[in-house]
Amino acid sequence: MQSTVTTKLHATTRLKTGAPAPGFTLSDSAGRRISLADYRGKNVIVYFYPRAATPGCTTQACDFRDSLAALQGAGFEVLGISPDAREALSAFAAEHALTFPLLADEDHATALAYGAWGEKLVDGEVREGTLRSTVVVGPDGNVVLAQYQVSAQGHVRALREELGV
C-alpha cells in the first residue's frame, strides 16, 4: 500500500519498497534521452535534488561523484534528477566533473511520480518544489529503498552503509 502526503497544492504519493518504479525518459546534460528502462537488469540509484549549483546540491552531487567507483563496483548506477534546464545541468556537470547522468525534469512530472515534489520550508517560507529524495530501483524495476527529505550532507555515506557498499 502506498502512503499519500497531502499538501495544499496537491497530493504526492510516496513510493514503497516492492512497488514498481515509475518509468521515465528525460534529457541529460548533453541532450541525450535517458530512460529508466535503459537500466533494466541493473540496480539504479535515482536521486532528486532541488537545484544545480546550490551549496547542498553541489555537496550531494560531489559525494555521489566521489563514491561512484565504489557504487558501480557494487553494481549500482546513479542518476540525478532536478527541475533545471539541460543547459544548467551541463554547466553544473562540467564545473564539478560529474560523470553520471544529470536529467532535466523541467515540468517536474517525474519528481511527482516518485513522490519527490511537494511543499517544503525554504528560508522561512512554504514553497512548492523538489524534495531531496533518493529511490533505489532494483534490476526487476521495483523499488528497493525510498528515502524522502534527506539531508545533502552525509546522505551518500549513509546510503552506502544501508546498501552495504
C-alpha atoms as a PDB file:
ATOM      1  CA  MET A   1       0.000   0.000   0.000  1.00  0.00           C
ATOM      2  CA  GLN A   2       1.315   3.462  -0.879  1.00  0.00           C
ATOM      3  CA  SER A   3       1.064   6.380   1.523  1.00  0.00           C
ATOM      4  CA  THR A   4      -0.063   9.797   0.421  1.00  0.00           C
ATOM      5  CA  VAL A   5       1.244  13.103   1.716  1.00  0.00           C
ATOM      6  CA  THR A   6      -1.365  15.809   1.269  1.00  0.00           C
ATOM      7  CA  THR A   7      -0.379  19.412   0.693  1.00  0.00           C
ATOM      8  CA  LYS A   8      -2.444  22.470  -0.067  1.00  0.00           C
ATOM      9  CA  LEU A   9      -1.179  22.357  -3.643  1.00  0.00           C
ATOM     10  CA  HIS A  10      -1.641  18.655  -4.449  1.00  0.00           C
ATOM     11  CA  ALA A  11      -1.271  15.146  -3.072  1.00  0.00           C
ATOM     12  CA  THR A  12       2.073  13.422  -3.534  1.00  0.00           C
ATOM     13  CA  THR A  13       2.286   9.627  -3.432  1.00  0.00           C
ATOM     14  CA  ARG A  14       5.482   8.283  -1.932  1.00  0.00           C
ATOM     15  CA  LEU A  15       6.886   5.055  -3.279  1.00  0.00           C
ATOM     16  CA  LYS A  16       7.168   1.991  -1.078  1.00  0.00           C
ATOM     17  CA  THR A  17       9.581  -0.922  -1.166  1.00  0.00           C
ATOM     18  CA  GLY A  18       8.456  -3.541  -3.680  1.00  0.00           C
ATOM     19  CA  ALA A  19       6.330  -1.149  -5.753  1.00  0.00           C
ATOM     20  CA  PRO A  20       7.104  -0.766  -9.454  1.00  0.00           C
ATOM     21  CA  ALA A  21       9.253   2.297 -10.075  1.00  0.00           C
ATOM     22  CA  PRO A  22       7.559   4.746 -12.461  1.00  0.00           C
ATOM     23  CA  GLY A  23       9.160   4.793 -15.885  1.00  0.00           C
ATOM     24  CA  PHE A  24      10.610   7.997 -17.294  1.00  0.00           C
ATOM     25  CA  THR A  25      12.543   9.337 -20.248  1.00  0.00           C
ATOM     26  CA  LEU A  26      14.368  12.642 -19.740  1.00  0.00           C
ATOM     27  CA  SER A  27      17.153  14.590 -21.431  1.00  0.00           C
ATOM     28  CA  ASP A  28      20.546  14.512 -19.805  1.00  0.00           C
ATOM     29  CA  SER A  29      23.030  17.383 -19.612  1.00  0.00           C
ATOM     30  CA  ALA A  30      24.346  16.520 -23.103  1.00  0.00           C
ATOM     31  CA  GLY A  31      20.878  16.340 -24.673  1.00  0.00           C
ATOM     32  CA  ARG A  32      20.696  12.532 -24.848  1.00  0.00           C
ATOM     33  CA  ARG A  33      17.381  10.893 -23.936  1.00  0.00           C
ATOM     34  CA  ILE A  34      17.801   8.594 -20.935  1.00  0.00           C
ATOM     35  CA  SER A  35      15.093   6.174 -19.796  1.00  0.00           C
ATOM     36  CA  LEU A  36      14.810   4.157 -16.622  1.00  0.00           C
ATOM     37  CA  ALA A  37      14.155   1.231 -18.985  1.00  0.00           C
ATOM     38  CA  ASP A  38      17.749   1.635 -20.248  1.00  0.00           C
ATOM     39  CA  TYR A  39      18.847   0.344 -16.840  1.00  0.00           C
ATOM     40  CA  ARG A  40      16.614  -2.729 -16.666  1.00  0.00           C
ATOM     41  CA  GLY A  41      18.598  -5.579 -15.141  1.00  0.00           C
ATOM     42  CA  LYS A  42      20.723  -3.172 -13.063  1.00  0.00           C
ATOM     43  CA  ASN A  43      20.459  -1.531  -9.677  1.00  0.00           C
ATOM     44  CA  VAL A  44      19.874   2.203 -10.078  1.00  0.00           C
ATOM     45  CA  ILE A  45      20.070   4.983  -7.522  1.00  0.00           C
ATOM     46  CA  VAL A  46      17.697   7.731  -8.674  1.00  0.00           C
ATOM     47  CA  TYR A  47      18.190  10.845  -6.615  1.00  0.00           C
ATOM     48  CA  PHE A  48      16.197  14.073  -6.801  1.00  0.00           C
ATOM     49  CA  TYR A  49      17.762  17.406  -5.900  1.00  0.00           C
ATOM     50  CA  PRO A  50      16.233  20.895  -5.913  1.00  0.00           C
ATOM     51  CA  ARG A  51      18.642  22.966  -7.996  1.00  0.00           C
ATOM     52  CA  ALA A  52      22.024  22.581  -9.659  1.00  0.00           C
ATOM     53  CA  ALA A  53      24.952  24.630  -8.376  1.00  0.00           C
ATOM     54  CA  THR A  54      23.426  25.417  -4.983  1.00  0.00           C
ATOM     55  CA  PRO A  55      25.511  24.533  -1.917  1.00  0.00           C
ATOM     56  CA  GLY A  56      23.543  21.479  -0.735  1.00  0.00           C
ATOM     57  CA  CYS A  57      23.025  20.091  -4.227  1.00  0.00           C
ATOM     58  CA  THR A  58      26.707  20.560  -5.039  1.00  0.00           C
ATOM     59  CA  THR A  59      27.708  18.746  -1.837  1.00  0.00           C
ATOM     60  CA  GLN A  60      25.396  15.844  -2.632  1.00  0.00           C
ATOM     61  CA  ALA A  61      26.409  15.596  -6.304  1.00  0.00           C
ATOM     62  CA  CYS A  62      30.114  15.673  -5.430  1.00  0.00           C
ATOM     63  CA  ASP A  63      29.556  12.989  -2.786  1.00  0.00           C
ATOM     64  CA  PHE A  64      27.927  10.787  -5.435  1.00  0.00           C
ATOM     65  CA  ARG A  65      30.808  11.587  -7.826  1.00  0.00           C
ATOM     66  CA  ASP A  66      33.388  10.670  -5.193  1.00  0.00           C
ATOM     67  CA  SER A  67      31.547   7.418  -4.385  1.00  0.00           C
ATOM     68  CA  LEU A  68      30.720   6.493  -7.977  1.00  0.00           C
ATOM     69  CA  ALA A  69      33.500   3.919  -8.442  1.00  0.00           C
ATOM     70  CA  ALA A  70      32.531   2.106  -5.238  1.00  0.00           C
ATOM     71  CA  LEU A  71      28.816   2.239  -6.086  1.00  0.00           C
ATOM     72  CA  GLN A  72      29.388   0.988  -9.640  1.00  0.00           C
ATOM     73  CA  GLY A  73      31.775  -1.662  -8.350  1.00  0.00           C
ATOM     74  CA  ALA A  74      28.926  -2.923  -6.162  1.00  0.00           C
ATOM     75  CA  GLY A  75      26.549  -2.926  -9.140  1.00  0.00           C
ATOM     76  CA  PHE A  76      24.761   0.431  -8.697  1.00  0.00           C
ATOM     77  CA  GLU A  77      24.311   3.111 -11.346  1.00  0.00           C
ATOM     78  CA  VAL A  78      23.468   6.708 -10.364  1.00  0.00           C
ATOM     79  CA  LEU A  79      21.006   9.121 -11.996  1.00  0.00           C
ATOM     80  CA  GLY A  80      20.490  12.652 -10.670  1.00  0.00           C
ATOM     81  CA  ILE A  81      17.209  14.432 -11.472  1.00  0.00           C
ATOM     82  CA  SER A  82      16.300  18.099 -10.974  1.00  0.00           C
ATOM     83  CA  PRO A  83      13.878  20.612 -12.489  1.00  0.00           C
ATOM     84  CA  ASP A  84      16.802  22.505 -14.053  1.00  0.00           C
ATOM     85  CA  ALA A  85      17.106  23.103 -17.782  1.00  0.00           C
ATOM     86  CA  ARG A  86      19.587  20.937 -19.675  1.00  0.00           C
ATOM     87  CA  GLU A  87      21.975  23.879 -20.103  1.00  0.00           C
ATOM     88  CA  ALA A  88      22.193  24.460 -16.334  1.00  0.00           C
ATOM     89  CA  LEU A  89      22.856  20.751 -15.821  1.00  0.00           C
ATOM     90  CA  SER A  90      25.582  20.810 -18.447  1.00  0.00           C
ATOM     91  CA  ALA A  91      27.376  23.698 -16.716  1.00  0.00           C
ATOM     92  CA  PHE A  92      26.964  22.020 -13.306  1.00  0.00           C
ATOM     93  CA  ALA A  93      28.348  18.715 -14.588  1.00  0.00           C
ATOM     94  CA  ALA A  94      31.310  20.409 -16.259  1.00  0.00           C
ATOM     95  CA  GLU A  95      32.171  22.603 -13.266  1.00  0.00           C
ATOM     96  CA  HIS A  96      32.220  19.680 -10.840  1.00  0.00           C
ATOM     97  CA  ALA A  97      33.386  16.856 -13.150  1.00  0.00           C
ATOM     98  CA  LEU A  98      30.154  14.919 -12.625  1.00  0.00           C
ATOM     99  CA  THR A  99      30.343  11.791 -14.762  1.00  0.00           C
ATOM    100  CA  PHE A 100      26.951  10.236 -14.023  1.00  0.00           C
ATOM    101  CA  PRO A 101      23.816  11.373 -15.893  1.00  0.00           C
ATOM    102  CA  LEU A 102      22.042  14.505 -14.662  1.00  0.00           C
ATOM    103  CA  LEU A 103      18.496  14.573 -16.020  1.00  0.00           C
ATOM    104  CA  ALA A 104      16.253  17.585 -16.689  1.00  0.00           C
ATOM    105  CA  ASP A 105      12.745  17.194 -15.239  1.00  0.00           C
ATOM    106  CA  GLU A 106      11.624  20.725 -16.099  1.00  0.00           C
ATOM    107  CA  ASP A 107       7.900  20.012 -15.732  1.00  0.00           C
ATOM    108  CA  HIS A 108       8.636  18.001 -12.528  1.00  0.00           C
ATOM    109  CA  ALA A 109       6.392  15.161 -13.737  1.00  0.00           C
ATOM    110  CA  THR A 110       8.989  12.543 -12.804  1.00  0.00           C
ATOM    111  CA  ALA A 111       9.513  14.076  -9.358  1.00  0.00           C
ATOM    112  CA  LEU A 112       5.732  13.996  -8.852  1.00  0.00           C
ATOM    113  CA  ALA A 113       5.551  10.339  -9.928  1.00  0.00           C
ATOM    114  CA  TYR A 114       8.305   9.468  -7.432  1.00  0.00           C
ATOM    115  CA  GLY A 115       6.807  11.461  -4.556  1.00  0.00           C
ATOM    116  CA  ALA A 116       9.740  13.879  -4.660  1.00  0.00           C
ATOM    117  CA  TRP A 117       7.747  17.059  -5.309  1.00  0.00           C
ATOM    118  CA  GLY A 118       5.740  18.983  -2.751  1.00  0.00           C
ATOM    119  CA  GLU A 119       5.695  21.687  -0.135  1.00  0.00           C
ATOM    120  CA  LYS A 120       8.835  22.475   1.814  1.00  0.00           C
ATOM    121  CA  LEU A 121      10.126  25.205   4.065  1.00  0.00           C
ATOM    122  CA  VAL A 122      12.731  27.450   2.377  1.00  0.00           C
ATOM    123  CA  ASP A 123      14.079  30.497   4.192  1.00  0.00           C
ATOM    124  CA  GLY A 124      11.054  30.535   6.476  1.00  0.00           C
ATOM    125  CA  GLU A 125       8.550  30.324   3.604  1.00  0.00           C
ATOM    126  CA  VAL A 126       6.484  27.357   2.468  1.00  0.00           C
ATOM    127  CA  ARG A 127       7.233  26.732  -1.204  1.00  0.00           C
ATOM    128  CA  GLU A 128       6.495  24.004  -3.692  1.00  0.00           C
ATOM    129  CA  GLY A 129       9.499  22.246  -5.168  1.00  0.00           C
ATOM    130  CA  THR A 130      11.720  19.206  -5.321  1.00  0.00           C
ATOM    131  CA  LEU A 131      12.045  17.303  -2.074  1.00  0.00           C
ATOM    132  CA  ARG A 132      15.578  15.946  -1.763  1.00  0.00           C
ATOM    133  CA  SER A 133      14.838  12.239  -2.161  1.00  0.00           C
ATOM    134  CA  THR A 134      16.527   9.007  -3.187  1.00  0.00           C
ATOM    135  CA  VAL A 135      14.933   5.892  -4.648  1.00  0.00           C
ATOM    136  CA  VAL A 136      16.905   2.728  -5.318  1.00  0.00           C
ATOM    137  CA  VAL A 137      15.423   0.673  -8.136  1.00  0.00           C
ATOM    138  CA  GLY A 138      16.319  -2.999  -8.412  1.00  0.00           C
ATOM    139  CA  PRO A 139      17.099  -4.957 -11.586  1.00  0.00           C
ATOM    140  CA  ASP A 140      13.435  -6.000 -11.829  1.00  0.00           C
ATOM    141  CA  GLY A 141      12.276  -2.371 -11.939  1.00  0.00           C
ATOM    142  CA  ASN A 142      10.847  -2.412  -8.424  1.00  0.00           C
ATOM    143  CA  VAL A 143      11.689  -0.056  -5.562  1.00  0.00           C
ATOM    144  CA  VAL A 144      14.301  -1.471  -3.203  1.00  0.00           C
ATOM    145  CA  LEU A 145      14.545   1.626  -0.991  1.00  0.00           C
ATOM    146  CA  ALA A 146      12.808   5.018  -0.922  1.00  0.00           C
ATOM    147  CA  GLN A 147      14.056   7.876   1.240  1.00  0.00           C
ATOM    148  CA  TYR A 148      12.409  11.307   1.341  1.00  0.00           C
ATOM    149  CA  GLN A 149      13.564  14.718   2.522  1.00  0.00           C
ATOM    150  CA  VAL A 150      17.097  13.504   3.119  1.00  0.00           C
ATOM    151  CA  SER A 151      19.928  15.813   4.119  1.00  0.00           C
ATOM    152  CA  ALA A 152      22.502  16.681   1.465  1.00  0.00           C
ATOM    153  CA  GLN A 153      25.330  16.434   3.986  1.00  0.00           C
ATOM    154  CA  GLY A 154      26.227  12.821   4.743  1.00  0.00           C
ATOM    155  CA  HIS A 155      23.407  11.286   2.701  1.00  0.00           C
ATOM    156  CA  VAL A 156      25.617   9.350   0.276  1.00  0.00           C
ATOM    157  CA  ARG A 157      27.692   7.918   3.144  1.00  0.00           C
ATOM    158  CA  ALA A 158      24.525   6.795   4.951  1.00  0.00           C
ATOM    159  CA  LEU A 159      23.088   5.371   1.726  1.00  0.00           C
ATOM    160  CA  ARG A 160      26.275   3.414   1.081  1.00  0.00           C
ATOM    161  CA  GLU A 161      26.095   1.974   4.590  1.00  0.00           C
ATOM    162  CA  GLU A 162      22.466   0.975   4.101  1.00  0.00           C
ATOM    163  CA  LEU A 163      23.291  -0.656   0.748  1.00  0.00           C
ATOM    164  CA  GLY A 164      26.396  -2.378   2.138  1.00  0.00           C
ATOM    165  CA  VAL A 165      28.765  -0.538  -0.218  1.00  0.00           C
END
